[in-house]
Amino acid sequence: MENLKNEDVLKAIDSIRPYLQADDGDIELVEITEDAIVKVKLVGACAICPMFSMTLRAGVERSLMKQVPGIKRIEAVN
């Protein structure tokens, strides 16, 4: 898992959670793959928001990759 620890990823997710919750959304960690891809599920208003892709890439991915070196990509799952 390229030294990615669940605790580190969860801590990073917790740091962005208030921003998503402010818009009636949230995020859940689904899986960290062997090749350092973090799979998350956006829920609530975030799951149906027209800005979903931008939130995922510019918000979630950028923040998590900055906080947890080694993450290769963030993917959203349903």
Protein backbone atom coordinates (compact mmCIF):
# COMPACT_ATOMS: atom_id res chain seq x y z
CA MET A 1 0.00 0.00 0.00
CA GLU A 2 3.03 2.24 -0.50
CA ASN A 3 3.17 3.18 3.20
CA LEU A 4 -0.33 4.68 3.16
CA LYS A 5 -1.97 4.24 6.52
CA ASN A 6 -5.71 4.26 7.06
CA GLU A 7 -5.22 6.54 10.06
CA ASP A 8 -3.37 9.16 8.00
CA VAL A 9 -5.98 9.15 5.25
CA LEU A 10 -8.83 9.29 7.78
CA LYS A 11 -7.17 12.21 9.56
CA ALA A 12 -6.86 14.07 6.24
CA ILE A 13 -10.49 13.30 5.42
CA ASP A 14 -11.54 14.59 8.83
CA SER A 15 -9.76 17.87 8.08
CA ILE A 16 -11.91 18.52 4.98
CA ARG A 17 -15.14 17.05 6.33
CA PRO A 18 -16.39 20.35 7.88
CA TYR A 19 -16.28 22.05 4.47
CA LEU A 20 -18.41 19.32 2.92
CA GLN A 21 -20.77 19.24 5.88
CA ALA A 22 -21.26 23.01 5.58
CA ASP A 23 -22.93 22.27 2.23
CA ASP A 24 -24.99 19.36 3.65
CA GLY A 25 -22.60 16.75 2.31
CA ASP A 26 -20.02 14.38 3.69
CA ILE A 27 -17.31 11.93 2.67
CA GLU A 28 -16.54 8.32 3.54
CA LEU A 29 -13.34 6.35 3.02
CA VAL A 30 -14.16 3.21 1.06
CA GLU A 31 -10.78 1.67 0.30
CA ILE A 32 -7.07 2.25 -0.14
CA THR A 33 -5.86 0.03 -2.96
CA GLU A 34 -2.49 -1.70 -3.18
CA ASP A 35 -1.41 0.84 -5.81
CA ALA A 36 -2.13 3.87 -3.57
CA ILE A 37 -5.50 4.86 -4.99
CA VAL A 38 -7.88 6.17 -2.35
CA LYS A 39 -11.52 5.41 -3.03
CA VAL A 40 -14.07 7.65 -1.35
CA LYS A 41 -17.80 8.10 -1.42
CA LEU A 42 -19.30 11.58 -1.40
CA VAL A 43 -22.70 11.53 0.28
CA GLY A 44 -25.58 13.87 0.94
CA ALA A 45 -25.72 17.01 -1.14
CA CYS A 46 -22.16 16.39 -2.40
CA ALA A 47 -23.28 13.22 -4.19
CA ILE A 48 -25.76 15.10 -6.38
CA CYS A 49 -24.07 18.47 -6.66
CA PRO A 50 -23.37 19.79 -10.18
CA MET A 51 -19.89 20.72 -8.88
CA PHE A 52 -19.17 17.10 -7.87
CA SER A 53 -16.15 16.69 -10.17
CA MET A 54 -14.62 19.99 -9.15
CA THR A 55 -15.14 19.21 -5.46
CA LEU A 56 -13.49 15.83 -5.94
CA ARG A 57 -10.47 17.06 -7.92
CA ALA A 58 -9.83 20.60 -6.71
CA GLY A 59 -10.94 20.08 -3.13
CA VAL A 60 -10.73 16.51 -1.92
CA GLU A 61 -7.92 15.19 -4.12
CA ARG A 62 -5.68 18.22 -3.77
CA SER A 63 -6.07 18.34 0.00
CA LEU A 64 -5.60 14.62 0.61
CA MET A 65 -2.59 14.34 -1.69
CA LYS A 66 -0.98 17.32 0.03
CA GLN A 67 -1.58 15.91 3.51
CA VAL A 68 -0.73 12.27 2.76
CA PRO A 69 2.28 11.88 0.46
CA GLY A 70 2.12 8.72 -1.61
CA ILE A 71 -1.50 8.93 -2.71
CA LYS A 72 -1.56 8.54 -6.48
CA ARG A 73 -5.19 9.36 -7.14
CA ILE A 74 -8.58 9.82 -5.52
CA GLU A 75 -11.55 8.02 -7.03
CA ALA A 76 -15.21 8.41 -6.17
CA VAL A 77 -17.39 5.33 -5.91
CA ASN A 78 -21.15 5.05 -5.60
